[in-house]
Protein backbone atom coordinates (compact mmCIF):
# COMPACT_ATOMS: atom_id res chain seq x y z
CA MET A 1 46.48 214.18 85.61
CA THR A 2 46.02 213.78 81.85
CA THR A 3 47.26 216.69 79.75
CA ARG A 4 45.64 217.19 76.36
CA VAL A 5 46.52 219.65 73.62
CA LEU A 6 44.52 219.86 70.42
CA ILE A 7 46.10 221.44 67.33
CA HIS A 8 42.93 222.35 65.47
CA ASP A 9 42.23 222.96 61.79
CA THR A 10 45.78 222.57 60.59
CA CYS A 11 47.46 220.77 57.69
CA ILE A 12 49.65 217.68 57.90
CA ALA A 13 52.78 216.91 55.84
CA ASP A 14 54.52 213.77 57.04
CA GLY A 15 57.25 213.45 54.39
CA GLN A 16 55.83 210.14 53.16
CA SER A 17 53.12 211.42 50.84
CA ALA A 18 52.97 214.07 48.14
CA ASP A 19 49.50 215.06 49.33
CA LEU A 20 48.98 217.81 51.89
CA GLN A 21 46.24 216.81 54.33
CA VAL A 22 44.00 219.84 54.90
CA GLY A 23 41.41 220.46 57.63
CA MET A 24 43.10 218.18 60.11
CA SER A 25 43.37 218.07 63.88
CA LEU A 26 46.08 216.45 65.96
CA LEU A 27 45.52 215.56 69.61
CA ILE A 28 48.43 215.27 72.04
CA GLU A 29 47.76 213.35 75.24
CA ASP A 30 50.37 212.80 77.96
CA GLY A 31 53.22 213.57 75.62
CA ARG A 32 52.15 211.32 72.77
CA ILE A 33 50.13 211.70 69.60
CA ALA A 34 46.74 210.33 70.60
CA SER A 35 44.84 211.02 67.40
CA ILE A 36 45.28 212.47 63.91
CA GLY A 37 42.26 212.97 61.68
CA PRO A 38 39.79 215.35 60.05
CA ASN A 39 38.63 218.14 62.34
CA GLU A 40 35.24 216.61 63.02
CA SER A 41 36.71 213.23 63.99
CA VAL A 42 38.92 214.39 66.86
CA ASP A 43 37.29 214.96 70.25
CA PRO A 44 38.37 218.36 71.66
CA ARG A 45 36.82 217.94 75.12
CA GLY A 46 39.16 218.69 77.99
CA ALA A 47 41.97 219.81 75.69
CA GLU A 48 43.84 223.08 75.42
CA VAL A 49 43.11 224.17 71.85
CA LEU A 50 45.79 225.65 69.62
CA ASP A 51 44.45 227.19 66.42
CA GLY A 52 46.57 225.73 63.63
CA GLY A 53 44.90 227.59 60.78
CA GLY A 54 47.37 228.60 58.08
CA ALA A 55 50.07 226.30 59.45
CA THR A 56 51.29 222.81 58.65
CA VAL A 57 52.36 220.18 61.14
CA VAL A 58 55.52 218.33 60.13
CA PRO A 59 57.62 215.82 62.07
CA ALA A 60 60.48 217.21 64.13
CA PHE A 61 63.56 217.40 61.93
CA VAL A 62 66.59 215.11 62.03
CA ASP A 63 69.93 216.69 61.09
CA CYS A 64 72.00 213.68 60.08
CA HIS A 65 75.28 215.52 59.67
CA SER A 66 76.11 217.94 62.45
CA HIS A 67 79.04 219.01 64.60
CA LEU A 68 77.55 220.34 67.83
CA THR A 69 80.82 221.42 69.36
CA MET A 70 81.89 223.54 66.39
CA PRO A 71 80.75 227.09 65.50
CA GLY A 72 81.17 226.82 61.73
CA GLY A 73 82.40 229.51 59.36
CA SER A 74 85.32 229.66 56.98
CA HIS A 75 87.84 228.98 59.78
CA TRP A 76 86.04 225.96 61.20
CA ILE A 77 89.17 223.76 61.25
CA ASP A 78 91.01 226.32 63.37
CA ARG A 79 88.13 226.38 65.84
CA GLY A 80 88.56 222.67 66.46
CA SER A 81 91.67 223.53 68.46
CA ASP A 82 89.75 225.78 70.85
CA PRO A 83 89.76 224.68 74.53
CA PRO A 84 87.21 221.98 75.41
CA ASP A 85 85.28 224.33 77.73
CA ARG A 86 84.84 226.74 74.83
CA LEU A 87 83.66 223.92 72.56
CA ARG A 88 81.08 222.87 75.16
CA ASP A 89 79.78 226.45 75.32
CA VAL A 90 79.45 226.39 71.53
CA ALA A 91 77.52 223.12 71.76
CA ARG A 92 75.06 224.58 74.26
CA HIS A 93 74.42 227.53 71.96
CA ASN A 94 74.05 225.27 68.91
CA ALA A 95 71.64 223.00 70.77
CA ARG A 96 69.33 225.94 71.53
CA ARG A 97 69.48 227.04 67.90
CA LEU A 98 68.50 223.57 66.72
CA VAL A 99 65.39 223.33 68.87
CA GLN A 100 64.25 226.80 67.84
CA ALA A 101 64.46 225.63 64.22
CA GLY A 102 62.46 222.47 64.94
CA ILE A 103 65.49 220.15 64.76
CA LEU A 104 65.10 217.75 67.67
CA TRP A 105 67.59 215.12 66.51
CA ALA A 106 71.28 215.94 66.03
CA ARG A 107 73.49 213.18 64.64
CA ASP A 108 76.95 214.43 65.60
CA VAL A 109 79.45 212.99 63.13
CA GLY A 110 82.72 214.18 64.61
CA SER A 111 84.07 216.17 67.51
CA PRO A 112 87.49 217.29 68.71
CA ALA A 113 88.84 215.47 71.74
CA ASP A 114 89.58 216.85 75.19
CA GLN A 115 92.92 216.65 77.01
CA ASP A 116 92.20 213.02 77.91
CA GLY A 117 91.53 212.04 74.29
CA ARG A 118 87.76 211.72 74.80
CA ALA A 119 85.42 213.34 72.26
CA VAL A 120 83.95 216.55 73.66
CA SER A 121 80.60 215.59 72.12
CA LEU A 122 80.29 212.69 74.57
CA ALA A 123 80.33 215.10 77.52
CA VAL A 124 77.82 217.34 75.73
CA ARG A 125 75.46 214.41 75.19
CA GLN A 126 75.72 213.45 78.84
CA GLU A 127 75.06 217.02 79.99
CA LEU A 128 72.02 217.67 77.79
CA GLN A 129 70.47 214.20 77.75
CA GLY A 130 66.90 214.12 78.99
CA GLN A 131 66.55 217.88 79.40
CA ALA A 132 63.37 219.46 78.06
CA GLY A 133 64.08 221.88 75.25
CA GLN A 134 67.34 220.18 74.28
CA PRO A 135 67.84 218.05 71.16
CA TYR A 136 68.28 214.30 71.25
CA ILE A 137 71.96 213.75 70.47
CA TRP A 138 73.49 210.75 68.66
CA VAL A 139 77.29 210.84 68.81
CA ALA A 140 80.02 209.30 66.64
CA GLY A 141 82.89 210.44 68.86
CA THR A 142 86.04 211.60 67.08
CA TRP A 143 86.92 211.22 63.39
CA ILE A 144 89.12 208.24 62.51
CA ALA A 145 91.46 208.95 59.59
CA THR A 146 94.91 208.50 58.16
CA ASP A 147 97.54 210.77 59.63
CA GLY A 148 97.45 214.28 58.22
CA TYR A 149 93.81 214.48 57.17
CA LEU A 150 92.71 216.88 59.92
CA PRO A 151 94.33 218.00 63.17
CA MET A 152 91.24 216.78 65.08
CA THR A 153 91.32 213.11 64.10
CA ILE A 154 92.44 209.84 65.61
CA ALA A 155 95.21 208.83 63.22
CA VAL A 156 95.60 205.25 61.99
CA SER A 157 97.99 203.85 59.41
CA ASP A 158 96.37 200.61 58.21
CA GLY A 159 93.27 198.45 58.26
CA LYS A 160 94.18 196.65 61.49
CA GLU A 161 94.52 199.95 63.32
CA LEU A 162 91.23 201.08 61.78
CA VAL A 163 89.32 198.22 63.41
CA GLY A 164 90.92 198.84 66.79
CA ALA A 165 90.27 202.58 66.69
CA ALA A 166 86.63 202.03 65.77
CA LEU A 167 86.05 199.65 68.67
CA ARG A 168 87.77 202.02 71.09
CA GLN A 169 85.29 204.73 70.08
CA LEU A 170 82.44 202.39 70.99
CA ASP A 171 84.17 201.51 74.27
CA ALA A 172 84.35 205.24 75.06
CA GLY A 173 80.58 205.53 74.66
CA ALA A 174 80.02 206.54 71.03
CA ASP A 175 76.62 205.66 69.58
CA PHE A 176 78.14 204.91 66.17
CA VAL A 177 81.50 205.22 64.40
CA LYS A 178 82.75 207.56 61.70
CA ILE A 179 85.73 206.82 59.48
CA MET A 180 87.32 209.00 56.81
CA LEU A 181 87.74 207.55 53.32
CA ASP A 182 89.33 210.63 51.77
CA GLY A 183 93.10 210.72 51.74
CA ALA A 184 95.10 213.62 53.14
CA ASN A 185 94.37 216.85 51.24
CA ARG A 186 91.50 215.14 49.42
CA SER A 187 93.83 212.73 47.62
CA GLN A 188 91.97 210.97 44.83
CA THR A 189 92.77 207.54 46.31
CA CYS A 190 91.06 206.06 49.34
CA PRO A 191 93.69 205.21 51.99
CA PHE A 192 91.97 201.91 52.89
CA SER A 193 91.02 198.84 50.89
CA VAL A 194 87.50 197.47 50.61
CA GLU A 195 88.57 194.56 52.82
CA ASP A 196 90.00 196.93 55.46
CA VAL A 197 86.70 198.77 55.68
CA ARG A 198 84.59 195.61 55.48
CA ARG A 199 86.41 194.14 58.50
CA THR A 200 85.73 197.35 60.42
CA VAL A 201 82.06 197.32 59.40
CA GLU A 202 81.69 193.74 60.56
CA ALA A 203 83.41 194.47 63.89
CA VAL A 204 81.14 197.43 64.57
CA HIS A 205 78.03 195.52 63.53
CA ARG A 206 78.93 192.70 65.88
CA ARG A 207 78.62 195.26 68.66
CA GLY A 208 75.12 196.12 67.43
CA ARG A 209 76.21 199.58 66.29
CA ARG A 210 76.42 201.42 63.00
CA ILE A 211 79.28 202.92 61.02
CA THR A 212 79.41 205.79 58.58
CA ALA A 213 82.09 206.98 56.18
CA HIS A 214 83.09 210.47 55.12
CA ALA A 215 83.69 210.26 51.38
CA THR A 216 83.82 213.35 49.21
CA ILE A 217 86.01 211.63 46.59
CA LEU A 218 84.90 209.02 44.08
CA ASP A 219 87.28 206.30 45.28
CA GLY A 220 86.26 206.75 48.91
CA ALA A 221 82.60 206.35 47.99
CA ARG A 222 83.46 203.27 45.94
CA VAL A 223 85.23 201.62 48.86
CA GLY A 224 82.54 202.54 51.40
CA ALA A 225 79.71 201.33 49.17
CA ALA A 226 81.41 198.02 48.38
CA ALA A 227 82.29 197.45 52.06
CA GLY A 228 78.68 198.03 53.12
CA VAL A 229 79.01 200.93 55.55
CA ASP A 230 75.63 202.07 56.86
CA SER A 231 75.93 205.48 55.26
CA ILE A 232 78.21 207.70 53.22
CA GLU A 233 78.55 211.30 54.32
CA HIS A 234 78.67 213.93 51.54
CA GLY A 235 79.14 211.52 48.61
CA MET A 236 79.96 214.43 46.34
CA GLU A 237 81.40 212.35 43.49
CA LEU A 238 79.05 209.40 43.10
CA ASN A 239 78.51 207.84 39.71
CA ASP A 240 75.76 205.48 38.57
CA GLU A 241 77.78 202.34 39.32
CA ILE A 242 78.60 203.37 42.89
CA ALA A 243 75.02 204.46 43.45
CA ARG A 244 73.76 201.05 42.35
CA THR A 245 76.21 199.40 44.78
CA MET A 246 74.95 201.65 47.56
CA ALA A 247 71.35 200.68 46.83
CA SER A 248 72.24 196.98 46.70
CA ASN A 249 74.14 197.14 50.02
CA HIS A 250 71.53 199.37 51.71
CA VAL A 251 73.97 202.27 52.14
CA THR A 252 72.28 205.60 52.85
CA LEU A 253 73.57 208.83 51.31
CA VAL A 254 73.72 211.72 53.79
CA SER A 255 73.59 214.79 51.56
CA THR A 256 75.27 218.07 52.49
CA LEU A 257 74.60 220.20 49.42
CA SER A 258 73.96 223.35 51.44
CA ILE A 259 77.59 223.50 52.50
CA LEU A 260 78.49 224.10 48.86
CA GLU A 261 75.79 226.74 48.51
CA SER A 262 77.12 228.51 51.58
CA TRP A 263 80.53 228.90 50.01
CA LYS A 264 79.07 231.23 47.39
CA GLY A 265 78.75 233.94 50.00
CA PHE A 266 82.44 233.75 50.83
CA GLU A 267 83.52 235.38 47.59
CA ARG A 268 83.00 238.82 49.12
CA THR A 269 83.16 238.10 52.83
CA THR A 270 86.54 236.41 53.30
CA ARG A 271 90.12 236.84 52.18
CA LEU A 272 90.71 233.09 51.89
CA GLU A 273 92.07 232.46 48.40
CA ARG A 274 90.37 229.10 48.02
CA PHE A 275 87.06 230.98 47.92
CA THR A 276 88.04 234.26 46.25
CA SER A 277 90.57 233.47 43.52
CA ASP A 278 89.38 232.65 40.01
CA GLU A 279 90.86 229.18 40.36
CA GLY A 280 89.16 228.69 43.73
CA LYS A 281 85.78 229.81 42.39
CA ALA A 282 86.04 227.45 39.42
CA ARG A 283 86.97 224.56 41.68
CA LEU A 284 84.00 225.24 43.95
CA ARG A 285 81.61 225.47 40.98
CA ALA A 286 82.85 222.11 39.72
CA ARG A 287 82.42 220.50 43.14
CA ARG A 288 78.90 221.89 43.40
CA GLU A 289 77.88 220.54 40.00
CA ALA A 290 79.38 217.12 40.82
CA ALA A 291 77.57 216.97 44.18
CA TYR A 292 74.18 217.74 42.63
CA ASP A 293 74.83 215.12 39.96
CA ALA A 294 75.68 212.64 42.72
CA VAL A 295 72.33 213.18 44.43
CA ARG A 296 70.59 212.68 41.09
CA ALA A 297 72.48 209.42 40.55
CA ALA A 298 71.56 208.24 44.05
CA ARG A 299 67.88 209.00 43.58
CA LYS A 300 67.85 207.29 40.18
CA ALA A 301 69.39 204.15 41.72
CA GLY A 302 66.92 204.09 44.62
CA VAL A 303 69.47 204.99 47.32
CA ARG A 304 67.96 206.17 50.59
CA ILE A 305 68.81 209.85 51.10
CA ALA A 306 68.97 211.56 54.50
CA ALA A 307 69.61 215.26 54.93
CA GLY A 308 72.51 216.84 56.78
CA SER A 309 73.53 220.46 57.17
CA ASP A 310 77.20 219.90 58.16
CA PHE A 311 76.85 222.82 60.55
CA GLY A 312 80.01 223.43 62.55
CA GLY A 313 82.11 221.25 60.26
CA GLY A 314 81.86 223.81 57.47
CA SER A 315 80.47 227.26 56.93
CA VAL A 316 76.80 226.46 57.68
CA ARG A 317 75.52 227.30 61.15
CA ALA A 318 73.22 225.38 63.46
CA GLY A 319 69.52 225.42 62.59
CA HIS A 320 69.93 225.66 58.81
CA LEU A 321 68.66 222.21 57.80
CA ALA A 322 65.84 223.81 55.79
CA TRP A 323 68.52 225.00 53.39
CA GLU A 324 69.45 221.37 52.68
CA VAL A 325 65.80 220.57 51.90
CA GLU A 326 65.74 223.40 49.36
CA CYS A 327 68.95 222.09 47.78
CA LEU A 328 67.58 218.56 47.52
CA VAL A 329 64.54 219.88 45.67
CA GLU A 330 66.88 221.73 43.31
CA ALA A 331 68.73 218.43 42.79
CA GLY A 332 65.52 216.76 41.62
CA LEU A 333 63.78 215.36 44.69
CA GLU A 334 60.10 216.10 45.05
CA PRO A 335 59.38 218.42 48.01
CA TRP A 336 57.79 215.57 49.97
CA GLU A 337 60.86 213.40 49.37
CA ALA A 338 63.16 216.18 50.52
CA LEU A 339 61.02 216.65 53.65
CA GLY A 340 61.28 212.91 54.22
CA ALA A 341 65.07 213.15 53.94
CA ALA A 342 65.07 215.69 56.78
CA THR A 343 62.68 213.69 58.97
CA TRP A 344 61.89 209.97 58.87
CA ARG A 345 64.78 208.96 56.61
CA GLY A 346 67.07 210.42 59.24
CA GLY A 347 65.25 208.49 61.94
CA GLU A 348 65.63 205.35 59.87
CA LEU A 349 69.40 205.90 59.66
CA LEU A 350 69.60 206.43 63.42
CA GLY A 351 67.62 203.26 63.98
CA ILE A 352 65.06 205.19 66.05
CA GLU A 353 61.62 204.02 64.91
CA HIS A 354 59.67 207.12 65.93
CA ALA A 355 62.24 209.81 65.02
CA GLY A 356 61.00 212.09 62.25
CA ARG A 357 57.54 210.52 62.09
CA LEU A 358 53.94 211.54 62.81
CA ARG A 359 51.99 208.50 63.97
CA GLU A 360 49.43 207.83 66.62
CA GLY A 361 51.11 206.47 69.74
CA ASP A 362 54.50 208.02 68.99
CA PRO A 363 56.05 210.78 71.13
CA ALA A 364 54.64 214.16 70.12
CA ASP A 365 57.84 215.58 68.60
CA LEU A 366 56.51 217.91 65.94
CA VAL A 367 56.82 221.33 64.36
CA LEU A 368 54.32 223.84 63.04
CA VAL A 369 55.48 225.90 60.08
CA HIS A 370 53.71 228.68 58.22
CA GLY A 371 52.56 227.64 54.78
CA ASP A 372 52.74 224.48 52.70
CA PRO A 373 56.20 222.83 52.54
CA LEU A 374 55.00 220.46 49.81
CA SER A 375 54.59 223.34 47.36
CA ASP A 376 57.11 225.76 48.90
CA PRO A 377 60.06 224.13 50.73
CA ARG A 378 61.00 227.57 52.09
CA ALA A 379 58.09 227.15 54.50
CA LEU A 380 60.39 224.98 56.61
CA TRP A 381 62.35 228.11 57.53
CA ARG A 382 59.17 229.64 58.95
CA VAL A 383 58.97 227.69 62.19
CA TRP A 384 56.08 228.86 64.37
CA THR A 385 56.24 226.49 67.30
CA VAL A 386 57.90 223.26 68.36
CA PHE A 387 56.60 220.44 70.56
CA GLN A 388 58.94 217.97 72.22
CA GLY A 389 57.32 215.07 73.99
CA GLY A 390 54.05 217.01 73.88
CA VAL A 391 55.56 220.06 75.59
CA ARG A 392 55.81 223.35 73.73
CA VAL A 393 59.53 224.17 73.79
CA ALA A 394 59.82 226.88 71.10
């Protein structure tokens, strides 16, 4: 039996155009987008009609930097040592939060390991995969870093070990690989050479997979860009030269500006000195300014930008990707570009053709929000309803 749902008299914002399409209808048929067009051009016969007046249809969101198994907050590193069963409970809660916020794609860029050394996120993906009302999960496995960076990493000491650790993550079932190009305690020198990272990139690519690099420091971004990783996470200290290298080597920047914004609220709500002391506040202000400048440099150079919230791996919580869109607009992106960063640019990075897009024939993964996100990005917080595969799930 054919199921048809018509979203009538709505607006469309697809993240690829600055123009809001008004007076539009979107027809869902058997889980896919059957038709998008002006109201009078879409046949409503036999369809359940949903009045979309006053709302805008946008593609389902893609959070390109998430940590499903982590609760977030100022003590997020401590929480990585919680028992695996507890981390899986956290992931289930976070997954529900994501769908309610219209985020149907979660790119998990690092998870603690269980007692057998296997990333907890892999078990979460297996548990939730294919369930209606659960996000699609893309998993990197566990962070790979030099010894001492974080207590939740796979520690390696040189480039040869880096290649081996990356391939073992793929053998364990990871969808892609994440390496850390910051030194311990955010040392200003990347612990690996460009050649070390390039060999790892090539080994991962030979498997048909992708590799991303955490790089909050300038030297880490330099190494990752020159080595041709698929993306750089955070990239909080880019300059024009590194941005041009990223553009030339087709390296995407995954922005996480909202994590810096979230730290502002810690001045009164935590006793942690790194947030409350005068020195700590000054350091955070400087990092924020540098990160916004980095996004501006990336946009100027033509770097592809995808949005990430860093929920769980910092103070932001699950479902707050709209905050990142607001921050990208503040950094100089047009609202439609920022929406694109949170939708189809993320799908592009995942290598999933239909993720974050609104096109006839694609799965009907879409969100209705109140208002116009192309003039007011805050509209993306106002999620009314969410369709996943044509089924209303929130």
